[in-house]
Amino acid sequence: MSNDGAERARPGPGRDLSPLLAGAATAVGGCGALLALTESDSPLRGPLTLFFLFAAPTAAVAAALRGLDPFGRVLTALAGSLVVNMLVAQGMLAVHRWSVRGGVVAVTAISAFVLLLVLVRRLRGRTASGQGV
């Protein structure tokens, strides 16, 4: 006899913190991007901007890899985030246009584009399965 069902149905304050943590990460990342784009002199600008530069592509790649198990998905999304950041930095250095503001904008654009592709793919999958009914 398994107690898995009893543990899942257990009420309490720690039952599912995922939406709360996702919201907090979005707020922290948004503040980091805002501080970088406004060129604020805040001491939090560096850490929050760095968090944004890793969290935005990680979330985009993780959304695209929906079918993987959680550990593989996190590992692959972190690696994808590192690749996106390195490609943006290398591209900006190659054309001699390096700037923090430009890097934040480029990473934001790439992450938004990947999320848009995921959304279009999911919507197209729903309409294709809905046509046969």
N, C-alpha and C. Protein backbone atom coordinates (compact mmCIF):
# COMPACT_ATOMS: atom_id res chain seq x y z
N MET A 1 0.85 -1.18 0.00
CA MET A 1 0.00 0.00 0.00
C MET A 1 0.89 1.23 0.00
N SER A 2 0.57 2.18 -0.85
CA SER A 2 1.40 3.37 -1.02
C SER A 2 0.75 4.59 -0.38
N ASN A 3 1.57 5.44 0.22
CA ASN A 3 1.08 6.67 0.83
C ASN A 3 1.27 7.88 -0.07
N ASP A 4 1.60 7.65 -1.35
CA ASP A 4 1.86 8.77 -2.25
C ASP A 4 0.64 9.67 -2.41
N GLY A 5 -0.54 9.08 -2.52
CA GLY A 5 -1.76 9.87 -2.69
C GLY A 5 -2.06 10.72 -1.46
N ALA A 6 -1.79 10.16 -0.28
CA ALA A 6 -2.03 10.90 0.96
C ALA A 6 -1.06 12.07 1.10
N GLU A 7 0.18 11.88 0.65
CA GLU A 7 1.15 12.96 0.75
C GLU A 7 0.87 14.06 -0.26
N ARG A 8 0.39 13.72 -1.43
CA ARG A 8 0.09 14.73 -2.44
C ARG A 8 -1.11 15.58 -2.07
N ALA A 9 -2.08 14.98 -1.39
CA ALA A 9 -3.30 15.69 -1.03
C ALA A 9 -3.17 16.46 0.27
N ARG A 10 -2.01 16.38 0.88
CA ARG A 10 -1.81 17.02 2.19
C ARG A 10 -1.88 18.54 2.06
N PRO A 11 -2.78 19.17 2.78
CA PRO A 11 -2.85 20.63 2.74
C PRO A 11 -1.75 21.24 3.60
N GLY A 12 -1.40 22.45 3.32
CA GLY A 12 -0.39 23.11 4.12
C GLY A 12 0.30 24.21 3.34
N PRO A 13 1.16 24.93 4.03
CA PRO A 13 1.80 26.08 3.38
C PRO A 13 2.84 25.70 2.34
N GLY A 14 3.42 24.51 2.37
CA GLY A 14 4.48 24.15 1.44
C GLY A 14 4.03 23.22 0.34
N ARG A 15 2.75 23.17 0.02
CA ARG A 15 2.26 22.16 -0.91
C ARG A 15 2.70 22.38 -2.34
N ASP A 16 2.70 23.64 -2.85
CA ASP A 16 3.17 23.89 -4.21
C ASP A 16 3.66 25.32 -4.30
N LEU A 17 4.96 25.48 -4.23
CA LEU A 17 5.56 26.81 -4.27
C LEU A 17 6.03 27.20 -5.67
N SER A 18 5.82 26.35 -6.66
CA SER A 18 6.32 26.63 -8.00
C SER A 18 5.80 27.95 -8.57
N PRO A 19 4.50 28.24 -8.54
CA PRO A 19 4.04 29.52 -9.08
C PRO A 19 4.60 30.72 -8.33
N LEU A 20 4.74 30.60 -7.02
CA LEU A 20 5.29 31.70 -6.23
C LEU A 20 6.76 31.94 -6.58
N LEU A 21 7.53 30.87 -6.70
CA LEU A 21 8.94 31.01 -7.06
C LEU A 21 9.11 31.52 -8.48
N ALA A 22 8.25 31.09 -9.40
CA ALA A 22 8.31 31.58 -10.77
C ALA A 22 7.99 33.07 -10.82
N GLY A 23 7.02 33.50 -10.05
CA GLY A 23 6.69 34.92 -10.00
C GLY A 23 7.80 35.76 -9.40
N ALA A 24 8.41 35.24 -8.34
CA ALA A 24 9.52 35.96 -7.71
C ALA A 24 10.71 36.04 -8.65
N ALA A 25 11.01 34.97 -9.37
CA ALA A 25 12.12 34.98 -10.33
C ALA A 25 11.84 35.95 -11.47
N THR A 26 10.61 36.02 -11.91
CA THR A 26 10.25 36.97 -12.96
C THR A 26 10.42 38.40 -12.48
N ALA A 27 9.99 38.67 -11.27
CA ALA A 27 10.14 40.02 -10.71
C ALA A 27 11.61 40.41 -10.54
N VAL A 28 12.41 39.49 -10.04
CA VAL A 28 13.84 39.77 -9.85
C VAL A 28 14.52 39.98 -11.20
N GLY A 29 14.22 39.12 -12.16
CA GLY A 29 14.80 39.27 -13.49
C GLY A 29 14.36 40.55 -14.18
N GLY A 30 13.09 40.89 -14.03
CA GLY A 30 12.59 42.14 -14.62
C GLY A 30 13.26 43.36 -14.01
N CYS A 31 13.46 43.32 -12.70
CA CYS A 31 14.18 44.42 -12.04
C CYS A 31 15.61 44.52 -12.54
N GLY A 32 16.25 43.38 -12.74
CA GLY A 32 17.62 43.38 -13.25
C GLY A 32 17.70 43.96 -14.64
N ALA A 33 16.76 43.59 -15.50
CA ALA A 33 16.75 44.14 -16.86
C ALA A 33 16.47 45.64 -16.83
N LEU A 34 15.54 46.03 -15.99
CA LEU A 34 15.21 47.46 -15.87
C LEU A 34 16.39 48.27 -15.36
N LEU A 35 17.08 47.76 -14.35
CA LEU A 35 18.25 48.47 -13.82
C LEU A 35 19.36 48.57 -14.87
N ALA A 36 19.53 47.53 -15.68
CA ALA A 36 20.57 47.57 -16.71
C ALA A 36 20.19 48.53 -17.83
N LEU A 37 18.93 48.53 -18.22
CA LEU A 37 18.51 49.38 -19.33
C LEU A 37 18.48 50.86 -18.96
N THR A 38 18.24 51.16 -17.68
CA THR A 38 18.23 52.56 -17.24
C THR A 38 19.60 53.02 -16.76
N GLU A 39 20.58 52.10 -16.78
CA GLU A 39 21.95 52.39 -16.33
C GLU A 39 21.97 52.98 -14.92
N SER A 40 21.24 52.35 -14.04
CA SER A 40 21.16 52.78 -12.65
C SER A 40 22.50 52.55 -11.94
N ASP A 41 22.75 53.33 -10.91
CA ASP A 41 23.97 53.18 -10.12
C ASP A 41 23.75 52.31 -8.88
N SER A 42 22.67 51.56 -8.86
CA SER A 42 22.34 50.72 -7.71
C SER A 42 23.37 49.58 -7.57
N PRO A 43 23.70 49.21 -6.34
CA PRO A 43 24.62 48.07 -6.15
C PRO A 43 23.97 46.74 -6.54
N LEU A 44 22.65 46.71 -6.68
CA LEU A 44 21.97 45.49 -7.09
C LEU A 44 21.93 45.30 -8.60
N ARG A 45 22.39 46.28 -9.33
CA ARG A 45 22.33 46.22 -10.79
C ARG A 45 23.08 45.01 -11.35
N GLY A 46 24.29 44.79 -10.90
CA GLY A 46 25.10 43.68 -11.41
C GLY A 46 24.50 42.31 -11.13
N PRO A 47 24.20 41.99 -9.87
CA PRO A 47 23.66 40.65 -9.59
C PRO A 47 22.30 40.40 -10.23
N LEU A 48 21.43 41.40 -10.20
CA LEU A 48 20.09 41.20 -10.77
C LEU A 48 20.14 41.10 -12.29
N THR A 49 21.03 41.87 -12.92
CA THR A 49 21.18 41.78 -14.37
C THR A 49 21.76 40.42 -14.76
N LEU A 50 22.72 39.95 -14.01
CA LEU A 50 23.29 38.62 -14.26
C LEU A 50 22.23 37.54 -14.10
N PHE A 51 21.38 37.68 -13.07
CA PHE A 51 20.28 36.73 -12.89
C PHE A 51 19.36 36.75 -14.10
N PHE A 52 19.02 37.94 -14.59
CA PHE A 52 18.16 38.03 -15.76
C PHE A 52 18.80 37.39 -16.98
N LEU A 53 20.10 37.66 -17.18
CA LEU A 53 20.78 37.14 -18.37
C LEU A 53 20.84 35.61 -18.37
N PHE A 54 20.79 34.98 -17.21
CA PHE A 54 20.75 33.52 -17.18
C PHE A 54 19.32 32.98 -17.10
N ALA A 55 18.43 33.69 -16.42
CA ALA A 55 17.08 33.16 -16.21
C ALA A 55 16.20 33.26 -17.46
N ALA A 56 16.31 34.33 -18.22
CA ALA A 56 15.44 34.51 -19.38
C ALA A 56 15.65 33.41 -20.43
N PRO A 57 16.89 33.18 -20.88
CA PRO A 57 17.05 32.08 -21.86
C PRO A 57 16.79 30.70 -21.26
N THR A 58 17.07 30.54 -19.97
CA THR A 58 16.80 29.25 -19.34
C THR A 58 15.31 28.94 -19.37
N ALA A 59 14.50 29.93 -19.05
CA ALA A 59 13.04 29.72 -19.07
C ALA A 59 12.55 29.45 -20.49
N ALA A 60 13.12 30.14 -21.46
CA ALA A 60 12.70 29.94 -22.85
C ALA A 60 13.06 28.54 -23.34
N VAL A 61 14.27 28.11 -23.06
CA VAL A 61 14.70 26.78 -23.51
C VAL A 61 13.93 25.70 -22.75
N ALA A 62 13.69 25.90 -21.46
CA ALA A 62 12.93 24.92 -20.67
C ALA A 62 11.50 24.79 -21.20
N ALA A 63 10.91 25.88 -21.64
CA ALA A 63 9.56 25.81 -22.20
C ALA A 63 9.55 25.00 -23.50
N ALA A 64 10.64 25.09 -24.25
CA ALA A 64 10.72 24.35 -25.51
C ALA A 64 10.96 22.86 -25.30
N LEU A 65 11.51 22.49 -24.17
CA LEU A 65 11.86 21.09 -23.89
C LEU A 65 10.87 20.45 -22.94
N ARG A 66 9.64 20.56 -23.24
CA ARG A 66 8.59 20.12 -22.33
C ARG A 66 8.57 18.61 -22.11
N GLY A 67 9.03 17.82 -23.05
CA GLY A 67 8.92 16.37 -22.95
C GLY A 67 9.99 15.69 -22.12
N LEU A 68 11.04 16.38 -21.75
CA LEU A 68 12.13 15.75 -21.00
C LEU A 68 11.78 15.60 -19.52
N ASP A 69 12.50 14.69 -18.86
CA ASP A 69 12.31 14.58 -17.42
C ASP A 69 12.87 15.85 -16.75
N PRO A 70 12.44 16.19 -15.55
CA PRO A 70 12.79 17.48 -14.93
C PRO A 70 14.29 17.74 -14.81
N PHE A 71 15.07 16.74 -14.41
CA PHE A 71 16.50 16.97 -14.24
C PHE A 71 17.18 17.25 -15.58
N GLY A 72 16.85 16.46 -16.58
CA GLY A 72 17.42 16.67 -17.91
C GLY A 72 16.99 18.00 -18.51
N ARG A 73 15.77 18.37 -18.24
CA ARG A 73 15.24 19.65 -18.74
C ARG A 73 15.97 20.84 -18.13
N VAL A 74 16.20 20.79 -16.82
CA VAL A 74 16.92 21.88 -16.14
C VAL A 74 18.36 21.95 -16.63
N LEU A 75 19.02 20.82 -16.72
CA LEU A 75 20.41 20.79 -17.17
C LEU A 75 20.54 21.30 -18.60
N THR A 76 19.67 20.86 -19.48
CA THR A 76 19.72 21.30 -20.87
C THR A 76 19.36 22.77 -21.00
N ALA A 77 18.40 23.24 -20.22
CA ALA A 77 18.01 24.66 -20.28
C ALA A 77 19.14 25.55 -19.78
N LEU A 78 19.85 25.14 -18.73
CA LEU A 78 20.98 25.92 -18.25
C LEU A 78 22.11 25.95 -19.28
N ALA A 79 22.36 24.83 -19.92
CA ALA A 79 23.39 24.80 -20.97
C ALA A 79 22.97 25.67 -22.15
N GLY A 80 21.70 25.63 -22.52
CA GLY A 80 21.21 26.47 -23.60
C GLY A 80 21.32 27.95 -23.26
N SER A 81 21.07 28.30 -22.01
CA SER A 81 21.20 29.68 -21.57
C SER A 81 22.64 30.15 -21.69
N LEU A 82 23.55 29.30 -21.28
CA LEU A 82 24.97 29.64 -21.39
C LEU A 82 25.37 29.83 -22.85
N VAL A 83 24.87 28.98 -23.73
CA VAL A 83 25.17 29.10 -25.16
C VAL A 83 24.62 30.40 -25.72
N VAL A 84 23.39 30.74 -25.39
CA VAL A 84 22.80 31.99 -25.88
C VAL A 84 23.62 33.19 -25.42
N ASN A 85 23.97 33.22 -24.15
CA ASN A 85 24.75 34.34 -23.62
C ASN A 85 26.13 34.43 -24.28
N MET A 86 26.77 33.30 -24.48
CA MET A 86 28.10 33.32 -25.11
C MET A 86 28.01 33.75 -26.57
N LEU A 87 27.00 33.29 -27.28
CA LEU A 87 26.85 33.70 -28.68
C LEU A 87 26.56 35.18 -28.81
N VAL A 88 25.74 35.71 -27.91
CA VAL A 88 25.46 37.15 -27.94
C VAL A 88 26.73 37.93 -27.64
N ALA A 89 27.47 37.52 -26.63
CA ALA A 89 28.71 38.22 -26.28
C ALA A 89 29.73 38.12 -27.41
N GLN A 90 29.87 36.94 -27.99
CA GLN A 90 30.83 36.77 -29.07
C GLN A 90 30.43 37.58 -30.30
N GLY A 91 29.16 37.61 -30.62
CA GLY A 91 28.69 38.40 -31.75
C GLY A 91 28.90 39.89 -31.55
N MET A 92 28.62 40.36 -30.35
CA MET A 92 28.81 41.79 -30.07
C MET A 92 30.29 42.17 -30.08
N LEU A 93 31.14 41.29 -29.57
CA LEU A 93 32.57 41.57 -29.60
C LEU A 93 33.12 41.51 -31.03
N ALA A 94 32.58 40.62 -31.85
CA ALA A 94 33.06 40.48 -33.22
C ALA A 94 32.77 41.73 -34.06
N VAL A 95 31.66 42.39 -33.77
CA VAL A 95 31.32 43.59 -34.54
C VAL A 95 31.70 44.87 -33.80
N HIS A 96 32.44 44.72 -32.71
CA HIS A 96 32.93 45.86 -31.92
C HIS A 96 31.80 46.76 -31.43
N ARG A 97 30.71 46.16 -30.99
CA ARG A 97 29.55 46.89 -30.46
C ARG A 97 29.16 46.39 -29.09
N TRP A 98 30.12 46.14 -28.22
CA TRP A 98 29.82 45.60 -26.91
C TRP A 98 29.21 46.66 -26.01
N SER A 99 28.10 46.34 -25.36
CA SER A 99 27.49 47.18 -24.34
C SER A 99 26.58 46.30 -23.49
N VAL A 100 26.45 46.66 -22.24
CA VAL A 100 25.57 45.91 -21.35
C VAL A 100 24.12 46.04 -21.82
N ARG A 101 23.74 47.25 -22.16
CA ARG A 101 22.37 47.50 -22.62
C ARG A 101 22.06 46.67 -23.88
N GLY A 102 22.99 46.66 -24.82
CA GLY A 102 22.80 45.88 -26.05
C GLY A 102 22.71 44.39 -25.76
N GLY A 103 23.52 43.90 -24.84
CA GLY A 103 23.47 42.49 -24.47
C GLY A 103 22.14 42.10 -23.84
N VAL A 104 21.64 42.96 -22.97
CA VAL A 104 20.34 42.69 -22.33
C VAL A 104 19.24 42.68 -23.38
N VAL A 105 19.28 43.64 -24.29
CA VAL A 105 18.26 43.70 -25.35
C VAL A 105 18.34 42.47 -26.25
N ALA A 106 19.55 42.06 -26.63
CA ALA A 106 19.72 40.91 -27.51
C ALA A 106 19.25 39.62 -26.84
N VAL A 107 19.60 39.42 -25.58
CA VAL A 107 19.18 38.21 -24.87
C VAL A 107 17.66 38.21 -24.68
N THR A 108 17.10 39.38 -24.40
CA THR A 108 15.64 39.48 -24.27
C THR A 108 14.96 39.14 -25.58
N ALA A 109 15.47 39.66 -26.68
CA ALA A 109 14.87 39.40 -27.99
C ALA A 109 14.95 37.92 -28.36
N ILE A 110 16.09 37.29 -28.13
CA ILE A 110 16.24 35.87 -28.45
C ILE A 110 15.33 35.02 -27.57
N SER A 111 15.26 35.33 -26.28
CA SER A 111 14.39 34.57 -25.38
C SER A 111 12.92 34.74 -25.74
N ALA A 112 12.52 35.96 -26.06
CA ALA A 112 11.13 36.21 -26.46
C ALA A 112 10.81 35.48 -27.76
N PHE A 113 11.76 35.44 -28.69
CA PHE A 113 11.54 34.76 -29.96
C PHE A 113 11.36 33.26 -29.74
N VAL A 114 12.18 32.66 -28.88
CA VAL A 114 12.06 31.23 -28.59
C VAL A 114 10.71 30.94 -27.92
N LEU A 115 10.32 31.79 -26.96
CA LEU A 115 9.01 31.60 -26.32
C LEU A 115 7.87 31.76 -27.30
N LEU A 116 8.00 32.69 -28.23
CA LEU A 116 6.98 32.88 -29.26
C LEU A 116 6.88 31.65 -30.16
N LEU A 117 8.01 31.07 -30.53
CA LEU A 117 7.99 29.85 -31.33
C LEU A 117 7.33 28.70 -30.59
N VAL A 118 7.59 28.58 -29.30
CA VAL A 118 6.95 27.53 -28.49
C VAL A 118 5.44 27.75 -28.45
N LEU A 119 5.02 29.00 -28.26
CA LEU A 119 3.59 29.30 -28.22
C LEU A 119 2.92 28.99 -29.55
N VAL A 120 3.54 29.37 -30.65
CA VAL A 120 2.97 29.10 -31.97
C VAL A 120 2.89 27.60 -32.22
N ARG A 121 3.94 26.88 -31.83
CA ARG A 121 3.93 25.42 -32.02
C ARG A 121 2.81 24.76 -31.21
N ARG A 122 2.60 25.21 -29.98
CA ARG A 122 1.53 24.63 -29.16
C ARG A 122 0.15 24.99 -29.70
N LEU A 123 -0.02 26.23 -30.14
CA LEU A 123 -1.31 26.62 -30.70
C LEU A 123 -1.59 25.87 -32.00
N ARG A 124 -0.58 25.70 -32.83
CA ARG A 124 -0.75 24.96 -34.08
C ARG A 124 -1.07 23.50 -33.80
N GLY A 125 -0.47 22.94 -32.77
CA GLY A 125 -0.75 21.56 -32.39
C GLY A 125 -2.17 21.38 -31.91
N ARG A 126 -2.69 22.38 -31.20
CA ARG A 126 -4.08 22.31 -30.72
C ARG A 126 -5.07 22.44 -31.87
N THR A 127 -4.80 23.34 -32.80
CA THR A 127 -5.73 23.51 -33.92
C THR A 127 -5.67 22.32 -34.86
N ALA A 128 -4.50 21.72 -35.04
CA ALA A 128 -4.39 20.54 -35.91
C ALA A 128 -5.14 19.35 -35.29
N SER A 129 -5.05 19.19 -33.98
CA SER A 129 -5.78 18.09 -33.35
C SER A 129 -7.27 18.38 -33.23
N GLY A 130 -7.63 19.65 -33.21
CA GLY A 130 -9.04 20.03 -33.12
C GLY A 130 -9.77 19.94 -34.46
N GLN A 131 -9.05 19.95 -35.59
CA GLN A 131 -9.69 19.90 -36.90
C GLN A 131 -10.25 18.53 -37.20
N GLY A 132 -9.62 17.49 -36.69
CA GLY A 132 -10.07 16.13 -36.98
C GLY A 132 -11.33 15.75 -36.24
N VAL A 133 -11.77 16.53 -35.29
CA VAL A 133 -12.94 16.17 -34.46
C VAL A 133 -14.21 16.55 -35.13
